[in-house]
Amino acid sequence: MIQLADPVRLLKKGYSITQVNGELLVSVDQIKDNDILTTQVWDGEIISVTQKINKNGK
Protein backbone atom coordinates (compact mmCIF):
# COMPACT_ATOMS: atom_id res chain seq x y z
CA MET A 1 0.00 0.00 0.00
CA ILE A 2 2.86 2.37 0.81
CA GLN A 3 4.35 1.85 -2.66
CA LEU A 4 1.10 3.05 -4.26
CA ALA A 5 1.43 6.40 -2.47
CA ASP A 6 5.10 6.87 -3.44
CA PRO A 7 5.40 10.30 -5.16
CA VAL A 8 8.18 9.03 -7.45
CA ARG A 9 5.75 6.44 -8.85
CA LEU A 10 3.38 9.25 -9.85
CA LEU A 11 6.22 11.34 -11.28
CA LYS A 12 7.22 8.39 -13.51
CA LYS A 13 3.68 8.42 -14.93
CA GLY A 14 4.20 11.96 -16.24
CA TYR A 15 3.04 14.06 -13.34
CA SER A 16 5.20 16.84 -11.93
CA ILE A 17 5.44 18.97 -8.79
CA THR A 18 5.95 22.70 -9.23
CA GLN A 19 6.97 25.13 -6.50
CA VAL A 20 7.34 28.89 -6.37
CA ASN A 21 9.28 30.47 -3.51
CA GLY A 22 9.44 27.05 -1.83
CA GLU A 23 5.64 26.64 -1.81
CA LEU A 24 3.60 24.13 -3.77
CA LEU A 25 2.06 25.81 -6.81
CA VAL A 26 -1.68 25.15 -6.98
CA SER A 27 -2.99 28.35 -8.63
CA VAL A 28 -1.82 30.94 -11.14
CA ASP A 29 -2.75 33.52 -8.50
CA GLN A 30 0.42 32.52 -6.62
CA ILE A 31 2.78 33.70 -9.37
CA LYS A 32 3.69 36.85 -11.26
CA ASP A 33 5.95 37.65 -14.20
CA ASN A 34 9.63 36.85 -13.64
CA ASP A 35 9.00 34.44 -10.75
CA ILE A 36 11.35 31.46 -10.63
CA LEU A 37 9.57 28.10 -10.68
CA THR A 38 11.09 24.75 -9.76
CA THR A 39 9.39 21.76 -11.40
CA GLN A 40 10.26 18.29 -10.20
CA VAL A 41 9.89 15.37 -12.60
CA TRP A 42 10.90 11.79 -11.88
CA ASP A 43 14.52 12.14 -13.04
CA GLY A 44 15.39 15.71 -12.03
CA GLU A 45 14.30 19.33 -11.74
CA ILE A 46 13.54 22.08 -14.21
CA ILE A 47 14.15 25.71 -13.22
CA SER A 48 12.14 28.23 -15.22
CA VAL A 49 11.13 31.89 -15.18
CA THR A 50 7.55 32.99 -15.86
CA GLN A 51 7.09 35.25 -18.85
CA LYS A 52 3.34 35.23 -19.29
CA ILE A 53 0.46 34.00 -17.15
CA ASN A 54 -2.85 32.96 -18.70
CA LYS A 55 -5.76 32.46 -16.34
CA ASN A 56 -8.67 30.20 -17.39
CA GLY A 57 -11.48 32.23 -18.93
CA LYS A 58 -9.37 35.38 -19.37
PDB file of N, CA and C in Angstrom:
ATOM      1  N   MET A   1       0.822  -1.191   0.000  1.00  0.00           N
ATOM      2  CA  MET A   1       0.000   0.000   0.000  1.00  0.00           C
ATOM      3  C   MET A   1       0.872   1.263   0.000  1.00  0.00           C
ATOM      4  N   ILE A   2       1.963   1.212   0.740  1.00  0.00           N
ATOM      5  CA  ILE A   2       2.856   2.369   0.811  1.00  0.00           C
ATOM      6  C   ILE A   2       3.449   2.669  -0.561  1.00  0.00           C
ATOM      7  N   GLN A   3       3.774   1.655  -1.333  1.00  0.00           N
ATOM      8  CA  GLN A   3       4.350   1.852  -2.662  1.00  0.00           C
ATOM      9  C   GLN A   3       3.382   2.587  -3.584  1.00  0.00           C
ATOM     10  N   LEU A   4       2.089   2.376  -3.427  1.00  0.00           N
ATOM     11  CA  LEU A   4       1.099   3.052  -4.261  1.00  0.00           C
ATOM     12  C   LEU A   4       1.076   4.555  -4.019  1.00  0.00           C
ATOM     13  N   ALA A   5       1.429   4.986  -2.813  1.00  0.00           N
ATOM     14  CA  ALA A   5       1.430   6.401  -2.470  1.00  0.00           C
ATOM     15  C   ALA A   5       2.790   7.070  -2.708  1.00  0.00           C
ATOM     16  N   ASP A   6       3.756   6.334  -3.206  1.00  0.00           N
ATOM     17  CA  ASP A   6       5.099   6.869  -3.440  1.00  0.00           C
ATOM     18  C   ASP A   6       5.042   7.965  -4.509  1.00  0.00           C
ATOM     19  N   PRO A   7       5.443   9.205  -4.180  1.00  0.00           N
ATOM     20  CA  PRO A   7       5.398  10.297  -5.155  1.00  0.00           C
ATOM     21  C   PRO A   7       6.228  10.021  -6.410  1.00  0.00           C
ATOM     22  N   VAL A   8       7.335   9.326  -6.287  1.00  0.00           N
ATOM     23  CA  VAL A   8       8.178   9.029  -7.451  1.00  0.00           C
ATOM     24  C   VAL A   8       7.403   8.179  -8.454  1.00  0.00           C
ATOM     25  N   ARG A   9       6.577   7.282  -7.971  1.00  0.00           N
ATOM     26  CA  ARG A   9       5.751   6.442  -8.850  1.00  0.00           C
ATOM     27  C   ARG A   9       4.834   7.321  -9.707  1.00  0.00           C
ATOM     28  N   LEU A  10       4.237   8.338  -9.100  1.00  0.00           N
ATOM     29  CA  LEU A  10       3.377   9.254  -9.848  1.00  0.00           C
ATOM     30  C   LEU A  10       4.182  10.110 -10.819  1.00  0.00           C
ATOM     31  N   LEU A  11       5.373  10.540 -10.402  1.00  0.00           N
ATOM     32  CA  LEU A  11       6.216  11.338 -11.284  1.00  0.00           C
ATOM     33  C   LEU A  11       6.615  10.538 -12.520  1.00  0.00           C
ATOM     34  N   LYS A  12       6.860   9.241 -12.371  1.00  0.00           N
ATOM     35  CA  LYS A  12       7.217   8.394 -13.510  1.00  0.00           C
ATOM     36  C   LYS A  12       6.062   8.225 -14.489  1.00  0.00           C
ATOM     37  N   LYS A  13       4.839   8.504 -14.048  1.00  0.00           N
ATOM     38  CA  LYS A  13       3.676   8.424 -14.928  1.00  0.00           C
ATOM     39  C   LYS A  13       3.463   9.709 -15.719  1.00  0.00           C
ATOM     40  N   GLY A  14       4.303  10.717 -15.486  1.00  0.00           N
ATOM     41  CA  GLY A  14       4.199  11.959 -16.237  1.00  0.00           C
ATOM     42  C   GLY A  14       3.726  13.149 -15.434  1.00  0.00           C
ATOM     43  N   TYR A  15       3.421  12.947 -14.182  1.00  0.00           N
ATOM     44  CA  TYR A  15       3.038  14.062 -13.336  1.00  0.00           C
ATOM     45  C   TYR A  15       4.285  14.824 -12.901  1.00  0.00           C
ATOM     46  N   SER A  16       4.083  16.054 -12.432  1.00  0.00           N
ATOM     47  CA  SER A  16       5.200  16.844 -11.927  1.00  0.00           C
ATOM     48  C   SER A  16       4.733  17.624 -10.705  1.00  0.00           C
ATOM     49  N   ILE A  17       5.704  18.137  -9.968  1.00  0.00           N
ATOM     50  CA  ILE A  17       5.436  18.965  -8.793  1.00  0.00           C
ATOM     51  C   ILE A  17       6.136  20.302  -9.034  1.00  0.00           C
ATOM     52  N   THR A  18       5.371  21.378  -8.985  1.00  0.00           N
ATOM     53  CA  THR A  18       5.946  22.701  -9.225  1.00  0.00           C
ATOM     54  C   THR A  18       5.833  23.548  -7.967  1.00  0.00           C
ATOM     55  N   GLN A  19       6.923  24.241  -7.664  1.00  0.00           N
ATOM     56  CA  GLN A  19       6.967  25.125  -6.501  1.00  0.00           C
ATOM     57  C   GLN A  19       7.395  26.520  -6.937  1.00  0.00           C
ATOM     58  N   VAL A  20       6.905  27.504  -6.209  1.00  0.00           N
ATOM     59  CA  VAL A  20       7.341  28.891  -6.375  1.00  0.00           C
ATOM     60  C   VAL A  20       7.651  29.408  -4.980  1.00  0.00           C
ATOM     61  N   ASN A  21       8.822  29.965  -4.817  1.00  0.00           N
ATOM     62  CA  ASN A  21       9.278  30.466  -3.509  1.00  0.00           C
ATOM     63  C   ASN A  21       9.167  29.396  -2.426  1.00  0.00           C
ATOM     64  N   GLY A  22       9.440  28.150  -2.781  1.00  0.00           N
ATOM     65  CA  GLY A  22       9.436  27.054  -1.827  1.00  0.00           C
ATOM     66  C   GLY A  22       8.058  26.528  -1.468  1.00  0.00           C
ATOM     67  N   GLU A  23       7.002  27.076  -2.095  1.00  0.00           N
ATOM     68  CA  GLU A  23       5.638  26.635  -1.805  1.00  0.00           C
ATOM     69  C   GLU A  23       5.060  25.898  -3.003  1.00  0.00           C
ATOM     70  N   LEU A  24       4.251  24.898  -2.731  1.00  0.00           N
ATOM     71  CA  LEU A  24       3.601  24.127  -3.770  1.00  0.00           C
ATOM     72  C   LEU A  24       2.711  25.042  -4.602  1.00  0.00           C
ATOM     73  N   LEU A  25       2.850  24.980  -5.917  1.00  0.00           N
ATOM     74  CA  LEU A  25       2.059  25.815  -6.809  1.00  0.00           C
ATOM     75  C   LEU A  25       0.742  25.111  -7.120  1.00  0.00           C
ATOM     76  N   VAL A  26      -0.363  25.734  -6.729  1.00  0.00           N
ATOM     77  CA  VAL A  26      -1.682  25.153  -6.980  1.00  0.00           C
ATOM     78  C   VAL A  26      -2.593  26.104  -7.752  1.00  0.00           C
ATOM     79  N   SER A  27      -2.162  27.360  -7.943  1.00  0.00           N
ATOM     80  CA  SER A  27      -2.990  28.350  -8.627  1.00  0.00           C
ATOM     81  C   SER A  27      -2.102  29.386  -9.314  1.00  0.00           C
ATOM     82  N   VAL A  28      -2.565  29.883 -10.467  1.00  0.00           N
ATOM     83  CA  VAL A  28      -1.821  30.944 -11.139  1.00  0.00           C
ATOM     84  C   VAL A  28      -1.814  32.229 -10.316  1.00  0.00           C
ATOM     85  N   ASP A  29      -2.725  32.334  -9.367  1.00  0.00           N
ATOM     86  CA  ASP A  29      -2.755  33.518  -8.501  1.00  0.00           C
ATOM     87  C   ASP A  29      -1.523  33.618  -7.606  1.00  0.00           C
ATOM     88  N   GLN A  30      -0.777  32.527  -7.472  1.00  0.00           N
ATOM     89  CA  GLN A  30       0.421  32.518  -6.623  1.00  0.00           C
ATOM     90  C   GLN A  30       1.650  33.094  -7.320  1.00  0.00           C
ATOM     91  N   ILE A  31       1.579  33.297  -8.633  1.00  0.00           N
ATOM     92  CA  ILE A  31       2.777  33.705  -9.366  1.00  0.00           C
ATOM     93  C   ILE A  31       2.573  35.022 -10.100  1.00  0.00           C
ATOM     94  N   LYS A  32       3.698  35.629 -10.448  1.00  0.00           N
ATOM     95  CA  LYS A  32       3.691  36.848 -11.256  1.00  0.00           C
ATOM     96  C   LYS A  32       4.835  36.748 -12.257  1.00  0.00           C
ATOM     97  N   ASP A  33       4.876  37.649 -13.202  1.00  0.00           N
ATOM     98  CA  ASP A  33       5.950  37.653 -14.197  1.00  0.00           C
ATOM     99  C   ASP A  33       7.315  37.676 -13.522  1.00  0.00           C
ATOM    100  N   ASN A  34       8.238  36.948 -14.093  1.00  0.00           N
ATOM    101  CA  ASN A  34       9.630  36.848 -13.645  1.00  0.00           C
ATOM    102  C   ASN A  34       9.834  36.053 -12.360  1.00  0.00           C
ATOM    103  N   ASP A  35       8.804  35.358 -11.874  1.00  0.00           N
ATOM    104  CA  ASP A  35       9.004  34.442 -10.747  1.00  0.00           C
ATOM    105  C   ASP A  35       9.793  33.233 -11.212  1.00  0.00           C
ATOM    106  N   ILE A  36      10.579  32.673 -10.321  1.00  0.00           N
ATOM    107  CA  ILE A  36      11.349  31.462 -10.627  1.00  0.00           C
ATOM    108  C   ILE A  36      10.580  30.257 -10.117  1.00  0.00           C
ATOM    109  N   LEU A  37      10.300  29.317 -11.009  1.00  0.00           N
ATOM    110  CA  LEU A  37       9.572  28.096 -10.675  1.00  0.00           C
ATOM    111  C   LEU A  37      10.525  26.911 -10.697  1.00  0.00           C
ATOM    112  N   THR A  38      10.334  25.998  -9.779  1.00  0.00           N
ATOM    113  CA  THR A  38      11.085  24.747  -9.756  1.00  0.00           C
ATOM    114  C   THR A  38      10.086  23.619  -9.981  1.00  0.00           C
ATOM    115  N   THR A  39      10.283  22.867 -11.057  1.00  0.00           N
ATOM    116  CA  THR A  39       9.387  21.765 -11.395  1.00  0.00           C
ATOM    117  C   THR A  39      10.145  20.464 -11.255  1.00  0.00           C
ATOM    118  N   GLN A  40       9.633  19.589 -10.420  1.00  0.00           N
ATOM    119  CA  GLN A  40      10.261  18.285 -10.203  1.00  0.00           C
ATOM    120  C   GLN A  40       9.562  17.236 -11.059  1.00  0.00           C
ATOM    121  N   VAL A  41      10.349  16.530 -11.845  1.00  0.00           N
ATOM    122  CA  VAL A  41       9.890  15.369 -12.599  1.00  0.00           C
ATOM    123  C   VAL A  41      10.643  14.172 -12.051  1.00  0.00           C
ATOM    124  N   TRP A  42      10.351  12.985 -12.540  1.00  0.00           N
ATOM    125  CA  TRP A  42      10.903  11.793 -11.880  1.00  0.00           C
ATOM    126  C   TRP A  42      12.416  11.717 -11.920  1.00  0.00           C
ATOM    127  N   ASP A  43      13.064  12.301 -12.938  1.00  0.00           N
ATOM    128  CA  ASP A  43      14.519  12.143 -13.037  1.00  0.00           C
ATOM    129  C   ASP A  43      15.303  13.436 -12.839  1.00  0.00           C
ATOM    130  N   GLY A  44      14.658  14.477 -12.286  1.00  0.00           N
ATOM    131  CA  GLY A  44      15.389  15.709 -12.030  1.00  0.00           C
ATOM    132  C   GLY A  44      14.471  16.899 -11.848  1.00  0.00           C
ATOM    133  N   GLU A  45      15.043  18.087 -11.926  1.00  0.00           N
ATOM    134  CA  GLU A  45      14.305  19.330 -11.741  1.00  0.00           C
ATOM    135  C   GLU A  45      14.497  20.247 -12.939  1.00  0.00           C
ATOM    136  N   ILE A  46      13.494  21.065 -13.160  1.00  0.00           N
ATOM    137  CA  ILE A  46      13.537  22.078 -14.206  1.00  0.00           C
ATOM    138  C   ILE A  46      13.342  23.425 -13.516  1.00  0.00           C
ATOM    139  N   ILE A  47      14.259  24.363 -13.767  1.00  0.00           N
ATOM    140  CA  ILE A  47      14.153  25.708 -13.217  1.00  0.00           C
ATOM    141  C   ILE A  47      13.718  26.611 -14.370  1.00  0.00           C
ATOM    142  N   SER A  48      12.648  27.368 -14.160  1.00  0.00           N
ATOM    143  CA  SER A  48      12.142  28.233 -15.222  1.00  0.00           C
ATOM    144  C   SER A  48      11.712  29.577 -14.659  1.00  0.00           C
ATOM    145  N   VAL A  49      11.559  30.547 -15.551  1.00  0.00           N
ATOM    146  CA  VAL A  49      11.133  31.888 -15.182  1.00  0.00           C
ATOM    147  C   VAL A  49       9.833  32.184 -15.921  1.00  0.00           C
ATOM    148  N   THR A  50       8.827  32.694 -15.205  1.00  0.00           N
ATOM    149  CA  THR A  50       7.549  32.994 -15.859  1.00  0.00           C
ATOM    150  C   THR A  50       7.687  34.213 -16.743  1.00  0.00           C
ATOM    151  N   GLN A  51       7.105  34.122 -17.926  1.00  0.00           N
ATOM    152  CA  GLN A  51       7.093  35.252 -18.853  1.00  0.00           C
ATOM    153  C   GLN A  51       5.687  35.778 -19.072  1.00  0.00           C
ATOM    154  N   LYS A  52       4.717  34.854 -19.059  1.00  0.00           N
ATOM    155  CA  LYS A  52       3.337  35.234 -19.288  1.00  0.00           C
ATOM    156  C   LYS A  52       2.447  34.291 -18.507  1.00  0.00           C
ATOM    157  N   ILE A  53       1.387  34.819 -17.935  1.00  0.00           N
ATOM    158  CA  ILE A  53       0.457  34.005 -17.145  1.00  0.00           C
ATOM    159  C   ILE A  53      -0.917  34.125 -17.787  1.00  0.00           C
ATOM    160  N   ASN A  54      -1.501  32.996 -18.154  1.00  0.00           N
ATOM    161  CA  ASN A  54      -2.853  32.955 -18.700  1.00  0.00           C
ATOM    162  C   ASN A  54      -3.765  32.296 -17.673  1.00  0.00           C
ATOM    163  N   LYS A  55      -4.805  32.997 -17.294  1.00  0.00           N
ATOM    164  CA  LYS A  55      -5.761  32.460 -16.343  1.00  0.00           C
ATOM    165  C   LYS A  55      -6.967  31.927 -17.122  1.00  0.00           C
ATOM    166  N   ASN A  56      -7.505  30.789 -16.715  1.00  0.00           N
ATOM    167  CA  ASN A  56      -8.673  30.203 -17.394  1.00  0.00           C
ATOM    168  C   ASN A  56      -9.783  31.238 -17.516  1.00  0.00           C
ATOM    169  N   GLY A  57     -10.352  31.336 -18.721  1.00  0.00           N
ATOM    170  CA  GLY A  57     -11.475  32.229 -18.933  1.00  0.00           C
ATOM    171  C   GLY A  57     -11.095  33.679 -19.151  1.00  0.00           C
ATOM    172  N   LYS A  58      -9.796  33.978 -19.179  1.00  0.00           N
ATOM    173  CA  LYS A  58      -9.372  35.377 -19.366  1.00  0.00           C
ATOM    174  C   LYS A  58      -8.294  35.488 -20.393  1.00  0.00           C
TER     175      LYS A  58
END
